Amino acid sequence: MKIAESWLREWVSPKLDTEALGHQLTMLGHEVDRIAYEGQGLDGVVVAEVLEVGKHPDADRLSVCKVTAGGETVDVVCGAPNVVKGMKSPLAVPGVKLPNGIKLRKSKIRGVVSNGMLCSATELGLGEESDGIISLPADAPVGEPLANYLDLPDAVFELNLTPNRGDCFSVLGIARDVAALTGAPLADTNVKPVKATIKDTHPVEVLEPAGCPIFAGRVIRGIDPAARSPLWMVERLRRAGLRSIHPVVDITNYVMLELGQPLHAYDLGLVKGPIRPRLARTGEKVTLLDEKGVVVNDDTLVISDDSGVIGLAGLMGGLSTAVSDSTTDVFFEAAYWPADYMAGRARSYGLHTDASLRFERGVDPAGQGRAVERATELLIAISGGDAGPLVVETEDAHVPLRQAIELRKSRLAHLLGTTVPDDEVVDILNRLQLSAKKKKGAWSVSPPSHRFDIAIEADVIEEVARLYGYDKIPEITATAETPIETVTESTVDYEKLVSSLIARDYQEVVTYSFVEETLDAKVSGRESKLKLSNPISSEMSVMRSSLWIGMLEAAAKNIARQQDRVRLFEIGKTFH
């Protein structure tokens, strides 16, 4: 997972530089594979406007553009297919050395002088792929340094998270751990509720309560279809490895990355009747957002309406209700899909989505309403519209509860090999938002809803060790008694036997345990009962009852190749 340092520091900002923060993340168990620094070496790259675009006289695939960066208008030869009149894009002038090592100079390209270069994301080190030059928003100030406009430089942490820490597949999850380790204050995690301005709701009928114990939804009407995602959101998504698609889709992705709760947005005008989370029926089909049609397995949770299946729950939405540039009414959905219902489902369809990754590892069962509130807040700020009331359907009998865990002082000391002071243990638990009540020789520890990975005493001890510091735990060399075994002459040591045979010019062979049925019967004198139901070939159809079969075949093959001296032995198992 990728997290921009600037985004993380909005939630928690310890007094550590980038490298030190990366080291502390690794010590917390969130291994930092790489720290990518973006925006370095952009001196001299500015926001420019393309005033005119004409064809190159001697090259079909090149354009000659008249470009201004706030001063005089210059000619720039450009080979990007997406360059158009009126667009704004980064301009690197002659003399600038780009992050990829190229130093620009004024030069002739097919007879036309080019006074710089309009840049793509890859050329500026702001992406690994691009389909043309960067297109900046229309309100980008011409002449402003690109680094200032994009709020660069910034560092991006690439984290290798362990599967048990599903709560850390978000900026909030990582921020919680950093705050617990460093003591830096954590930003307020509460989301201010958005007041409903209309009474519209959409009916939801949960037909599989065990598979969907919590379903939060909200109707938003009258959004501006011409609205575009703001630059700060587009940039944060890009640094996290996601591209901007549409304001509604961008908001669902943004909230997922920020809070860890995947969401889905429907074009409300395309939904037919009530939304029904349920198990699929045999033979049902759906066309997904990637335009691929699938036949749904009957063990898969789906979202349906009167028209049939409109999405695979927790995996991917359906194309029939997808938002588009003409969407004006939206229905936000955030559900709790238990990991037991999600495990392996994405792989069975050849899918791997950001949503399935989180649901398979687990999400906070208390975060659905908060995610919809946050998405509503962002959508209204970006695209306008009127929000209906937040509706949360809950089946309490199927909502997981965190049970209290007894943490014994003796067990803590035994597993860590050191004694952690009582007050420090309590402080660590409190920083991790684990409620601890003192008992005789122990604590009763209650994990919060987002720490679904903590279920037994050893889990709590691991948390204490993480924050106490592995480097503070002393190394103790393990010792054990190694009594001398009784020597007997009644058995021959395997290694001695092999060495003796090799010394007498025998060669050890390893033959297949599967042999041909008639050969096995000839050697053993009886028909084998250990027949393979799906043999590789008829020559490997039964389990061998003797080592002679393979050795005889090996000897025969050697003799057939003019080996007149064949001495073989094999030590292995036979099957009866």
Protein backbone atom coordinates (compact mmCIF):
# COMPACT_ATOMS: atom_id res chain seq x y z
CA MET A 1 0.00 0.00 0.00
CA LYS A 2 1.17 3.53 -0.78
CA ILE A 3 0.69 6.47 1.58
CA ALA A 4 1.83 10.03 0.95
CA GLU A 5 3.73 11.50 3.89
CA SER A 6 1.85 14.79 3.59
CA TRP A 7 -1.49 12.95 3.94
CA LEU A 8 -0.28 10.91 6.89
CA ARG A 9 0.98 14.02 8.68
CA GLU A 10 -2.49 15.55 8.46
CA TRP A 11 -3.57 12.79 10.83
CA VAL A 12 -0.45 12.54 12.96
CA SER A 13 2.80 14.49 12.70
CA PRO A 14 5.56 13.18 14.99
CA LYS A 15 8.80 15.09 15.32
CA LEU A 16 10.64 12.72 12.95
CA ASP A 17 12.10 13.30 9.52
CA THR A 18 11.03 11.15 6.58
CA GLU A 19 13.72 8.49 6.98
CA ALA A 20 13.17 8.22 10.75
CA LEU A 21 9.42 7.94 10.26
CA GLY A 22 9.95 5.16 7.72
CA HIS A 23 12.20 3.32 10.19
CA GLN A 24 9.58 3.59 12.94
CA LEU A 25 6.91 2.24 10.60
CA THR A 26 9.09 -0.80 9.93
CA MET A 27 9.68 -1.30 13.66
CA LEU A 28 5.91 -1.21 14.16
CA GLY A 29 5.61 -4.19 11.83
CA HIS A 30 4.58 -2.17 8.75
CA GLU A 31 7.63 -2.85 6.62
CA VAL A 32 8.60 0.04 4.37
CA ASP A 33 9.67 -1.48 1.05
CA ARG A 34 10.60 1.86 -0.47
CA ILE A 35 10.36 5.59 0.07
CA ALA A 36 9.71 7.37 -3.22
CA TYR A 37 10.50 11.08 -3.28
CA GLU A 38 8.30 13.03 -5.68
CA GLY A 39 8.81 16.56 -6.93
CA GLN A 40 12.58 16.69 -6.63
CA GLY A 41 14.41 18.25 -9.57
CA LEU A 42 11.44 20.26 -10.85
CA ASP A 43 13.18 23.62 -10.67
CA GLY A 44 12.46 25.45 -13.92
CA VAL A 45 9.29 23.47 -14.69
CA VAL A 46 6.32 25.86 -14.74
CA VAL A 47 2.63 25.89 -15.57
CA ALA A 48 2.13 26.90 -19.21
CA GLU A 49 -0.82 27.44 -21.51
CA VAL A 50 -1.05 26.12 -25.06
CA LEU A 51 -2.32 29.00 -27.21
CA GLU A 52 -2.20 27.31 -30.62
CA VAL A 53 -1.60 23.83 -32.01
CA GLY A 54 -0.49 23.32 -35.61
CA LYS A 55 0.81 20.37 -37.63
CA HIS A 56 4.54 19.89 -38.02
CA PRO A 57 5.48 20.48 -41.68
CA ASP A 58 7.72 17.40 -41.91
CA ALA A 59 6.28 14.93 -39.35
CA ASP A 60 2.76 13.53 -39.20
CA ARG A 61 2.94 12.62 -35.52
CA LEU A 62 4.40 15.89 -34.25
CA SER A 63 2.68 19.18 -33.48
CA VAL A 64 4.08 22.69 -33.29
CA CYS A 65 2.53 24.51 -30.33
CA LYS A 66 2.61 28.16 -29.37
CA VAL A 67 3.03 28.18 -25.60
CA THR A 68 3.20 30.88 -22.95
CA ALA A 69 4.36 30.65 -19.35
CA GLY A 70 3.37 34.22 -18.54
CA GLY A 71 6.05 35.89 -20.64
CA GLU A 72 6.74 35.76 -24.35
CA THR A 73 5.10 33.16 -26.56
CA VAL A 74 7.47 30.41 -27.77
CA ASP A 75 7.27 27.50 -30.19
CA VAL A 76 7.43 24.00 -28.70
CA VAL A 77 7.45 20.80 -30.75
CA CYS A 78 5.26 18.18 -29.08
CA GLY A 79 4.62 14.53 -29.93
CA ALA A 80 1.83 13.92 -27.39
CA PRO A 81 -1.50 12.85 -28.92
CA ASN A 82 -3.54 14.71 -26.26
CA VAL A 83 -2.17 18.24 -26.81
CA VAL A 84 -4.99 20.67 -27.66
CA LYS A 85 -5.48 24.41 -27.85
CA GLY A 86 -6.28 26.02 -24.51
CA MET A 87 -4.94 23.25 -22.28
CA LYS A 88 -2.49 23.87 -19.48
CA SER A 89 0.51 21.65 -18.99
CA PRO A 90 3.97 21.64 -17.34
CA LEU A 91 6.65 23.33 -19.48
CA ALA A 92 10.37 22.63 -19.02
CA VAL A 93 12.49 25.37 -20.58
CA PRO A 94 15.98 24.96 -22.09
CA GLY A 95 18.67 24.46 -19.43
CA VAL A 96 16.43 22.48 -17.08
CA LYS A 97 17.58 19.01 -15.99
CA LEU A 98 14.59 16.72 -15.57
CA PRO A 99 14.32 14.04 -12.83
CA ASN A 100 14.98 11.35 -15.46
CA GLY A 101 18.40 12.88 -16.12
CA ILE A 102 17.62 14.59 -19.43
CA LYS A 103 19.00 18.13 -19.74
CA LEU A 104 16.95 20.23 -22.13
CA ARG A 105 18.39 22.57 -24.71
CA LYS A 106 16.94 24.58 -27.55
CA SER A 107 17.10 22.31 -30.58
CA LYS A 108 15.70 21.73 -34.03
CA ILE A 109 13.30 18.83 -34.43
CA ARG A 110 12.75 18.00 -38.09
CA GLY A 111 13.69 21.56 -39.02
CA VAL A 112 11.54 23.37 -36.43
CA VAL A 113 13.15 24.98 -33.37
CA SER A 114 11.65 23.78 -30.08
CA ASN A 115 12.08 26.10 -27.08
CA GLY A 116 11.48 23.53 -24.35
CA MET A 117 9.24 20.55 -23.73
CA LEU A 118 5.67 19.97 -22.58
CA CYS A 119 6.06 17.16 -20.07
CA SER A 120 4.37 13.87 -19.25
CA ALA A 121 4.11 12.37 -15.76
CA THR A 122 6.87 9.84 -16.41
CA GLU A 123 9.29 12.53 -17.58
CA LEU A 124 8.76 14.45 -14.34
CA GLY A 125 8.93 11.37 -12.09
CA LEU A 126 5.27 11.73 -11.14
CA GLY A 127 4.08 8.39 -12.46
CA GLU A 128 5.21 5.13 -13.99
CA GLU A 129 3.08 5.40 -17.13
CA SER A 130 1.33 8.07 -19.16
CA ASP A 131 -0.64 8.42 -22.36
CA GLY A 132 0.48 11.95 -23.13
CA ILE A 133 1.46 15.21 -21.50
CA ILE A 134 -0.02 16.20 -18.14
CA SER A 135 -3.29 18.10 -18.46
CA LEU A 136 -3.63 20.56 -15.57
CA PRO A 137 -6.92 22.12 -14.42
CA ALA A 138 -8.16 25.16 -16.31
CA ASP A 139 -7.64 27.40 -13.27
CA ALA A 140 -3.95 26.52 -12.94
CA PRO A 141 -2.02 29.83 -12.68
CA VAL A 142 0.22 30.30 -15.73
CA GLY A 143 3.86 30.81 -14.80
CA GLU A 144 3.67 29.29 -11.32
CA PRO A 145 6.35 26.70 -10.54
CA LEU A 146 4.81 23.25 -10.92
CA ALA A 147 6.21 22.04 -7.59
CA ASN A 148 4.39 24.84 -5.75
CA TYR A 149 1.16 24.22 -7.62
CA LEU A 150 1.16 20.46 -6.86
CA ASP A 151 2.34 20.93 -3.26
CA LEU A 152 5.61 19.12 -3.88
CA PRO A 153 8.08 17.72 -2.94
CA ASP A 154 6.47 14.86 -1.03
CA ALA A 155 7.50 11.36 0.01
CA VAL A 156 5.43 8.23 -0.62
CA PHE A 157 5.83 5.24 1.69
CA GLU A 158 5.34 1.87 0.02
CA LEU A 159 4.27 -0.44 2.85
CA ASN A 160 4.27 -4.23 2.91
CA LEU A 161 1.44 -4.84 5.37
CA THR A 162 0.83 -8.17 7.03
CA PRO A 163 -2.50 -9.88 6.25
CA ASN A 164 -3.69 -9.83 9.87
CA ARG A 165 -3.61 -6.02 10.05
CA GLY A 166 -6.59 -5.21 7.87
CA ASP A 167 -7.17 -2.10 9.99
CA CYS A 168 -3.93 -0.62 8.64
CA PHE A 169 -4.97 -0.60 4.98
CA SER A 170 -5.83 3.08 5.41
CA VAL A 171 -4.20 6.37 6.35
CA LEU A 172 -6.19 6.39 9.60
CA GLY A 173 -5.02 2.90 10.54
CA ILE A 174 -1.34 3.74 10.04
CA ALA A 175 -1.81 7.07 11.82
CA ARG A 176 -3.26 5.30 14.87
CA ASP A 177 -0.17 3.12 15.17
CA VAL A 178 2.24 6.02 14.64
CA ALA A 179 0.44 8.06 17.30
CA ALA A 180 0.53 5.12 19.72
CA LEU A 181 4.28 4.62 19.20
CA THR A 182 5.45 8.23 19.21
CA GLY A 183 2.92 9.86 21.51
CA ALA A 184 2.12 12.48 18.84
CA PRO A 185 -1.53 13.60 18.97
CA LEU A 186 -3.93 11.90 16.57
CA ALA A 187 -6.38 14.10 14.64
CA ASP A 188 -10.06 13.81 15.52
CA THR A 189 -11.35 10.61 13.90
CA ASN A 190 -15.00 11.61 14.17
CA VAL A 191 -16.79 12.80 11.05
CA LYS A 192 -19.32 15.58 11.48
CA PRO A 193 -22.76 14.35 10.34
CA VAL A 194 -24.13 16.00 7.21
CA LYS A 195 -27.57 17.46 7.81
CA ALA A 196 -30.26 16.07 5.52
CA THR A 197 -31.83 18.68 3.26
CA ILE A 198 -34.32 16.30 1.63
CA LYS A 199 -36.29 13.33 2.99
CA ASP A 200 -35.53 10.95 0.12
CA THR A 201 -34.35 7.44 0.98
CA HIS A 202 -34.04 4.25 -1.06
CA PRO A 203 -35.45 0.93 0.18
CA VAL A 204 -32.96 -1.76 1.20
CA GLU A 205 -33.98 -5.37 1.91
CA VAL A 206 -31.24 -7.46 3.52
CA LEU A 207 -32.06 -11.05 2.55
CA GLU A 208 -28.84 -12.58 3.98
CA PRO A 209 -28.34 -10.93 7.41
CA ALA A 210 -25.42 -13.19 8.36
CA GLY A 211 -23.57 -12.08 5.22
CA CYS A 212 -24.55 -8.42 5.52
CA PRO A 213 -25.14 -7.51 9.17
CA ILE A 214 -24.61 -3.78 8.52
CA PHE A 215 -25.69 -1.80 5.45
CA ALA A 216 -25.42 2.01 5.40
CA GLY A 217 -26.85 4.05 2.54
CA ARG A 218 -27.76 7.59 1.56
CA VAL A 219 -29.46 9.30 -1.36
CA ILE A 220 -27.91 12.48 -2.80
CA ARG A 221 -29.83 14.29 -5.53
CA GLY A 222 -28.99 17.09 -7.91
CA ILE A 223 -25.20 16.85 -8.15
CA ASP A 224 -23.48 18.84 -10.90
CA PRO A 225 -22.51 16.38 -13.67
CA ALA A 226 -19.95 18.89 -15.00
CA ALA A 227 -18.03 19.05 -11.71
CA ARG A 228 -14.47 17.74 -11.62
CA SER A 229 -12.39 16.35 -8.78
CA PRO A 230 -10.17 19.01 -7.18
CA LEU A 231 -6.44 18.86 -7.76
CA TRP A 232 -5.60 18.00 -4.13
CA MET A 233 -7.78 14.88 -4.32
CA VAL A 234 -6.47 13.84 -7.73
CA GLU A 235 -2.90 14.20 -6.45
CA ARG A 236 -3.51 12.18 -3.29
CA LEU A 237 -5.12 9.41 -5.29
CA ARG A 238 -2.23 9.46 -7.78
CA ARG A 239 0.37 9.21 -5.03
CA ALA A 240 -1.58 6.26 -3.62
CA GLY A 241 -1.46 4.54 -7.02
CA LEU A 242 -5.02 5.32 -8.21
CA ARG A 243 -6.07 7.44 -11.17
CA SER A 244 -8.86 10.00 -11.19
CA ILE A 245 -12.01 8.76 -12.97
CA HIS A 246 -15.09 10.76 -11.91
CA PRO A 247 -15.79 12.86 -8.81
CA VAL A 248 -18.17 10.28 -7.34
CA VAL A 249 -15.80 7.37 -7.98
CA ASP A 250 -12.81 9.41 -6.79
CA ILE A 251 -14.61 10.17 -3.52
CA THR A 252 -15.35 6.50 -2.83
CA ASN A 253 -11.69 5.65 -3.48
CA TYR A 254 -10.50 8.57 -1.35
CA VAL A 255 -12.66 7.60 1.64
CA MET A 256 -11.55 3.97 1.32
CA LEU A 257 -7.88 5.01 1.43
CA GLU A 258 -8.49 7.47 4.27
CA LEU A 259 -10.77 5.45 6.57
CA GLY A 260 -10.33 1.87 5.34
CA GLN A 261 -14.01 1.29 4.52
CA PRO A 262 -14.73 0.45 0.85
CA LEU A 263 -17.81 2.15 -0.60
CA HIS A 264 -19.82 1.87 -3.78
CA ALA A 265 -21.87 4.51 -5.56
CA TYR A 266 -24.89 3.77 -7.76
CA ASP A 267 -26.52 5.97 -10.36
CA LEU A 268 -29.86 6.08 -8.54
CA GLY A 269 -31.76 6.64 -11.77
CA LEU A 270 -30.58 3.23 -13.03
CA VAL A 271 -31.52 1.21 -9.92
CA LYS A 272 -34.78 -0.72 -10.40
CA GLY A 273 -36.64 -1.20 -7.13
CA PRO A 274 -35.21 -2.02 -3.68
CA ILE A 275 -31.52 -2.89 -3.23
CA ARG A 276 -31.22 -6.45 -1.93
CA PRO A 277 -27.96 -7.92 -0.56
CA ARG A 278 -28.24 -11.73 -0.81
CA LEU A 279 -26.52 -14.91 -1.89
CA ALA A 280 -26.44 -15.53 -5.62
CA ARG A 281 -28.66 -18.05 -7.31
CA THR A 282 -27.25 -20.69 -9.63
CA GLY A 283 -26.73 -19.42 -13.16
CA GLU A 284 -27.13 -15.69 -12.48
CA LYS A 285 -25.00 -13.37 -14.61
CA VAL A 286 -23.69 -9.83 -14.24
CA THR A 287 -21.54 -7.48 -16.31
CA LEU A 288 -19.00 -5.80 -14.02
CA LEU A 289 -17.50 -2.31 -14.17
CA ASP A 290 -14.55 -3.65 -16.16
CA GLU A 291 -17.13 -4.68 -18.82
CA LYS A 292 -16.49 -8.39 -18.26
CA GLY A 293 -19.45 -10.69 -17.86
CA VAL A 294 -19.36 -13.40 -15.18
CA VAL A 295 -21.61 -16.28 -14.16
CA VAL A 296 -22.01 -15.94 -10.40
CA ASN A 297 -21.32 -18.84 -8.05
CA ASP A 298 -24.05 -19.62 -5.52
CA ASP A 299 -21.67 -19.05 -2.58
CA THR A 300 -21.10 -15.39 -3.55
CA LEU A 301 -22.84 -12.45 -1.92
CA VAL A 302 -24.38 -10.13 -4.51
CA ILE A 303 -26.25 -6.84 -4.66
CA SER A 304 -29.48 -7.10 -6.63
CA ASP A 305 -32.54 -5.11 -7.58
CA ASP A 306 -35.67 -5.97 -9.54
CA SER A 307 -33.57 -6.40 -12.71
CA GLY A 308 -31.29 -9.02 -11.14
CA VAL A 309 -27.68 -8.88 -9.96
CA ILE A 310 -26.15 -5.39 -10.12
CA GLY A 311 -22.83 -6.09 -8.37
CA LEU A 312 -20.63 -8.59 -6.56
CA ALA A 313 -20.68 -7.64 -2.88
CA GLY A 314 -17.29 -6.47 -1.64
CA LEU A 315 -15.65 -7.23 -5.01
CA MET A 316 -16.85 -5.00 -7.85
CA GLY A 317 -19.98 -3.13 -8.88
CA GLY A 318 -22.03 -3.79 -11.96
CA LEU A 319 -21.96 -1.79 -15.19
CA SER A 320 -25.76 -1.46 -15.36
CA THR A 321 -25.92 0.99 -12.41
CA ALA A 322 -22.51 2.68 -12.79
CA VAL A 323 -22.20 6.46 -12.42
CA SER A 324 -21.31 8.43 -15.55
CA ASP A 325 -20.85 12.00 -16.76
CA SER A 326 -24.65 12.34 -16.93
CA THR A 327 -25.35 11.14 -13.36
CA THR A 328 -27.25 13.61 -11.18
CA ASP A 329 -28.65 11.35 -8.44
CA VAL A 330 -26.40 9.04 -6.43
CA PHE A 331 -26.88 6.33 -3.81
CA PHE A 332 -23.85 5.73 -1.56
CA GLU A 333 -23.47 2.27 -0.03
CA ALA A 334 -21.08 1.15 2.71
CA ALA A 335 -21.64 -2.35 4.04
CA TYR A 336 -19.97 -4.76 6.41
CA TRP A 337 -19.27 -8.00 4.55
CA PRO A 338 -17.77 -10.56 7.00
CA ALA A 339 -14.37 -11.97 6.02
CA ASP A 340 -15.77 -15.53 6.07
CA TYR A 341 -18.06 -14.62 3.18
CA MET A 342 -15.30 -12.79 1.29
CA ALA A 343 -12.31 -15.14 1.58
CA GLY A 344 -11.36 -16.58 -1.82
CA ARG A 345 -14.34 -15.10 -3.67
CA ALA A 346 -12.31 -12.56 -5.67
CA ARG A 347 -9.79 -15.21 -6.78
CA SER A 348 -12.61 -17.49 -7.96
CA TYR A 349 -13.48 -14.82 -10.56
CA GLY A 350 -9.89 -13.86 -11.36
CA LEU A 351 -10.33 -10.52 -9.59
CA HIS A 352 -8.13 -8.59 -7.17
CA THR A 353 -9.64 -5.28 -6.16
CA ASP A 354 -8.87 -2.76 -3.44
CA ALA A 355 -12.25 -3.53 -1.89
CA SER A 356 -11.79 -7.31 -1.86
CA LEU A 357 -8.30 -6.93 -0.36
CA ARG A 358 -9.77 -5.06 2.61
CA PHE A 359 -12.89 -7.17 3.11
CA GLU A 360 -10.92 -10.43 3.00
CA ARG A 361 -8.71 -9.15 5.83
CA GLY A 362 -11.53 -7.49 7.73
CA VAL A 363 -12.93 -3.98 8.15
CA ASP A 364 -14.17 -2.08 11.18
CA PRO A 365 -17.85 -3.00 11.77
CA ALA A 366 -18.34 0.44 13.34
CA GLY A 367 -17.14 2.43 10.32
CA GLN A 368 -19.91 2.16 7.72
CA GLY A 369 -21.99 5.17 8.73
CA ARG A 370 -18.87 7.29 9.23
CA ALA A 371 -17.65 6.46 5.71
CA VAL A 372 -20.96 7.46 4.10
CA GLU A 373 -20.98 10.72 6.09
CA ARG A 374 -17.44 11.52 4.92
CA ALA A 375 -18.28 10.69 1.29
CA THR A 376 -21.42 12.87 1.50
CA GLU A 377 -19.42 15.77 2.91
CA LEU A 378 -16.91 15.58 0.06
CA LEU A 379 -19.47 15.12 -2.71
CA ILE A 380 -21.57 18.09 -1.67
CA ALA A 381 -18.44 20.24 -1.39
CA ILE A 382 -17.27 19.22 -4.88
CA SER A 383 -20.47 18.65 -6.88
CA GLY A 384 -23.23 20.21 -4.82
CA GLY A 385 -26.56 18.45 -4.39
CA ASP A 386 -29.03 17.67 -1.60
CA ALA A 387 -28.49 14.83 0.83
CA GLY A 388 -31.19 12.61 2.28
CA PRO A 389 -30.95 11.07 5.76
CA LEU A 390 -28.32 8.44 6.49
CA VAL A 391 -29.98 5.03 6.82
CA VAL A 392 -28.11 2.20 8.58
CA GLU A 393 -29.65 -1.29 8.54
CA THR A 394 -28.16 -3.42 11.35
CA GLU A 395 -28.66 -7.07 12.33
CA ASP A 396 -27.24 -7.01 15.86
CA ALA A 397 -27.23 -10.80 16.20
CA HIS A 398 -24.62 -11.06 13.42
CA VAL A 399 -22.43 -8.07 14.28
CA PRO A 400 -19.10 -9.32 15.73
CA LEU A 401 -18.34 -8.31 19.32
CA ARG A 402 -14.86 -7.95 20.77
CA GLN A 403 -14.52 -10.14 23.85
CA ALA A 404 -12.37 -9.16 26.84
CA ILE A 405 -9.01 -10.95 26.99
CA GLU A 406 -7.10 -11.75 30.17
CA LEU A 407 -3.45 -10.66 30.01
CA ARG A 408 -1.44 -12.39 32.76
CA LYS A 409 1.71 -10.70 34.03
CA SER A 410 3.44 -14.07 34.32
CA ARG A 411 2.61 -15.02 30.74
CA LEU A 412 3.75 -11.62 29.46
CA ALA A 413 7.12 -12.00 31.17
CA HIS A 414 7.46 -15.63 30.05
CA LEU A 415 6.86 -14.95 26.35
CA LEU A 416 8.91 -11.75 26.15
CA GLY A 417 11.77 -13.02 28.32
CA THR A 418 11.78 -9.74 30.22
CA THR A 419 9.62 -7.86 32.71
CA VAL A 420 7.76 -4.79 31.49
CA PRO A 421 6.73 -2.43 34.35
CA ASP A 422 3.00 -2.47 35.09
CA ASP A 423 2.50 1.25 34.49
CA GLU A 424 4.24 0.98 31.12
CA VAL A 425 2.01 -1.96 30.11
CA VAL A 426 -1.11 0.06 30.96
CA ASP A 427 0.24 3.09 29.11
CA ILE A 428 0.94 1.00 25.98
CA LEU A 429 -2.54 -0.53 26.07
CA ASN A 430 -4.17 2.88 26.48
CA ARG A 431 -2.18 4.33 23.57
CA LEU A 432 -3.42 1.44 21.43
CA GLN A 433 -7.00 2.22 22.50
CA LEU A 434 -7.17 -1.13 24.31
CA SER A 435 -9.25 -0.74 27.46
CA ALA A 436 -7.42 -2.35 30.40
CA LYS A 437 -8.91 -3.17 33.82
CA LYS A 438 -6.63 -4.24 36.66
CA LYS A 439 -7.10 -7.72 38.11
CA LYS A 440 -5.06 -9.82 40.51
CA GLY A 441 -1.86 -10.63 38.64
CA ALA A 442 -3.46 -9.70 35.30
CA TRP A 443 -5.43 -7.19 33.24
CA SER A 444 -8.76 -7.59 31.49
CA VAL A 445 -8.17 -6.10 28.02
CA SER A 446 -10.99 -5.10 25.65
CA PRO A 447 -9.94 -4.38 22.03
CA PRO A 448 -11.71 -1.63 20.03
CA SER A 449 -13.91 -2.56 17.07
CA HIS A 450 -11.17 -1.81 14.53
CA ARG A 451 -8.69 -4.25 16.14
CA PHE A 452 -10.40 -7.45 14.99
CA ASP A 453 -6.96 -9.12 14.79
CA ILE A 454 -6.71 -9.21 18.61
CA ALA A 455 -8.50 -12.34 19.84
CA ILE A 456 -6.21 -14.19 22.29
CA GLU A 457 -3.70 -13.39 25.00
CA ALA A 458 -0.71 -13.83 22.68
CA ASP A 459 -2.12 -11.10 20.41
CA VAL A 460 -2.14 -8.62 23.29
CA ILE A 461 1.41 -9.61 24.25
CA GLU A 462 2.51 -8.97 20.67
CA GLU A 463 1.03 -5.47 20.85
CA VAL A 464 2.90 -4.75 24.10
CA ALA A 465 6.15 -5.96 22.51
CA ARG A 466 5.65 -3.81 19.38
CA LEU A 467 5.30 -0.59 21.31
CA TYR A 468 7.71 -1.47 24.11
CA GLY A 469 10.34 -1.98 21.41
CA TYR A 470 11.85 -5.21 20.16
CA ASP A 471 15.29 -3.65 20.61
CA LYS A 472 14.64 -3.38 24.38
CA ILE A 473 13.99 -7.09 24.75
CA PRO A 474 17.29 -8.79 25.69
CA GLU A 475 18.68 -11.61 23.60
CA ILE A 476 18.87 -14.87 25.53
CA THR A 477 20.71 -17.81 24.02
CA ALA A 478 18.58 -20.91 24.26
CA THR A 479 20.10 -23.83 26.18
CA ALA A 480 18.97 -27.43 26.30
CA GLU A 481 20.33 -30.78 27.46
CA THR A 482 21.76 -32.94 24.68
CA PRO A 483 22.25 -36.41 26.20
CA ILE A 484 24.46 -38.90 24.36
CA GLU A 485 22.43 -41.59 22.66
CA THR A 486 23.03 -45.25 23.42
CA VAL A 487 25.14 -46.89 20.74
CA THR A 488 23.83 -50.24 19.49
CA GLU A 489 25.20 -52.75 16.98
CA SER A 490 21.78 -54.30 16.30
CA THR A 491 21.01 -51.75 13.55
CA VAL A 492 23.15 -50.35 10.76
CA ASP A 493 23.32 -46.59 10.36
CA TYR A 494 21.75 -45.38 7.10
CA GLU A 495 24.70 -43.18 6.17
CA LYS A 496 27.19 -45.99 6.84
CA LEU A 497 25.18 -48.37 4.68
CA VAL A 498 25.06 -45.91 1.79
CA SER A 499 28.78 -45.10 2.11
CA SER A 500 29.69 -48.81 2.08
CA LEU A 501 27.70 -49.48 -1.09
CA ILE A 502 29.12 -46.43 -2.86
CA ALA A 503 32.63 -47.54 -1.85
CA ARG A 504 31.93 -50.82 -3.65
CA ASP A 505 31.07 -48.95 -6.90
CA TYR A 506 27.27 -49.00 -6.49
CA GLN A 507 25.27 -45.98 -7.54
CA GLU A 508 22.19 -44.86 -5.62
CA VAL A 509 19.04 -44.35 -7.67
CA VAL A 510 15.66 -42.84 -6.82
CA THR A 511 12.84 -44.31 -8.90
CA TYR A 512 9.14 -43.46 -9.10
CA SER A 513 6.73 -44.78 -6.49
CA PHE A 514 4.20 -45.23 -9.33
CA VAL A 515 4.80 -48.28 -11.53
CA GLU A 516 3.14 -50.29 -14.28
CA GLU A 517 0.48 -52.68 -12.99
CA THR A 518 1.58 -55.87 -14.82
CA LEU A 519 5.24 -55.41 -13.80
CA ASP A 520 4.21 -54.98 -10.18
CA ALA A 521 2.13 -58.17 -10.35
CA LYS A 522 5.02 -60.16 -11.88
CA VAL A 523 7.48 -59.08 -9.20
CA SER A 524 5.16 -59.32 -6.20
CA GLY A 525 3.15 -62.30 -7.37
CA ARG A 526 -0.21 -60.62 -6.60
CA GLU A 527 -2.48 -57.93 -7.98
CA SER A 528 -2.04 -54.49 -6.43
CA LYS A 529 -4.96 -52.92 -4.60
CA LEU A 530 -3.34 -49.49 -4.57
CA LYS A 531 -4.48 -48.27 -7.99
CA LEU A 532 -4.44 -44.57 -8.84
CA SER A 533 -7.80 -43.08 -9.82
CA ASN A 534 -6.18 -40.56 -12.18
CA PRO A 535 -2.72 -41.87 -13.21
CA ILE A 536 -0.27 -39.79 -15.25
CA SER A 537 0.04 -42.72 -17.69
CA SER A 538 -0.64 -46.46 -17.80
CA GLU A 539 3.04 -47.09 -16.94
CA MET A 540 2.47 -45.29 -13.60
CA SER A 541 -0.90 -46.67 -12.56
CA VAL A 542 -0.24 -48.41 -9.19
CA MET A 543 1.86 -47.83 -6.07
CA ARG A 544 4.95 -50.05 -6.03
CA SER A 545 5.00 -53.11 -3.78
CA SER A 546 8.77 -53.66 -4.30
CA LEU A 547 11.88 -51.58 -5.05
CA TRP A 548 12.95 -54.22 -7.61
CA ILE A 549 10.55 -52.86 -10.25
CA GLY A 550 12.17 -49.47 -10.60
CA MET A 551 15.70 -50.85 -10.25
CA LEU A 552 15.12 -53.48 -12.96
CA GLU A 553 13.79 -50.80 -15.32
CA ALA A 554 16.79 -48.58 -14.57
CA ALA A 555 19.20 -51.47 -15.16
CA ALA A 556 17.49 -52.39 -18.44
CA LYS A 557 17.73 -48.80 -19.73
CA ASN A 558 21.43 -48.62 -18.83
CA ILE A 559 22.20 -51.96 -20.52
CA ALA A 560 20.26 -50.82 -23.62
CA ARG A 561 22.72 -47.91 -23.80
CA GLN A 562 25.80 -50.16 -23.82
CA GLN A 563 26.54 -49.89 -20.12
CA ASP A 564 27.99 -53.36 -19.47
CA ARG A 565 28.72 -52.77 -15.79
CA VAL A 566 25.59 -51.71 -13.86
CA ARG A 567 25.57 -51.65 -10.05
CA LEU A 568 22.54 -49.92 -8.53
CA PHE A 569 20.91 -49.70 -5.13
CA GLU A 570 17.88 -47.88 -3.78
CA ILE A 571 16.63 -47.15 -0.30
CA GLY A 572 12.96 -46.16 -0.25
CA LYS A 573 9.41 -47.02 0.68
CA THR A 574 7.12 -49.68 -0.71
CA PHE A 575 3.33 -49.68 -0.43
CA HIS A 576 1.09 -52.56 0.61
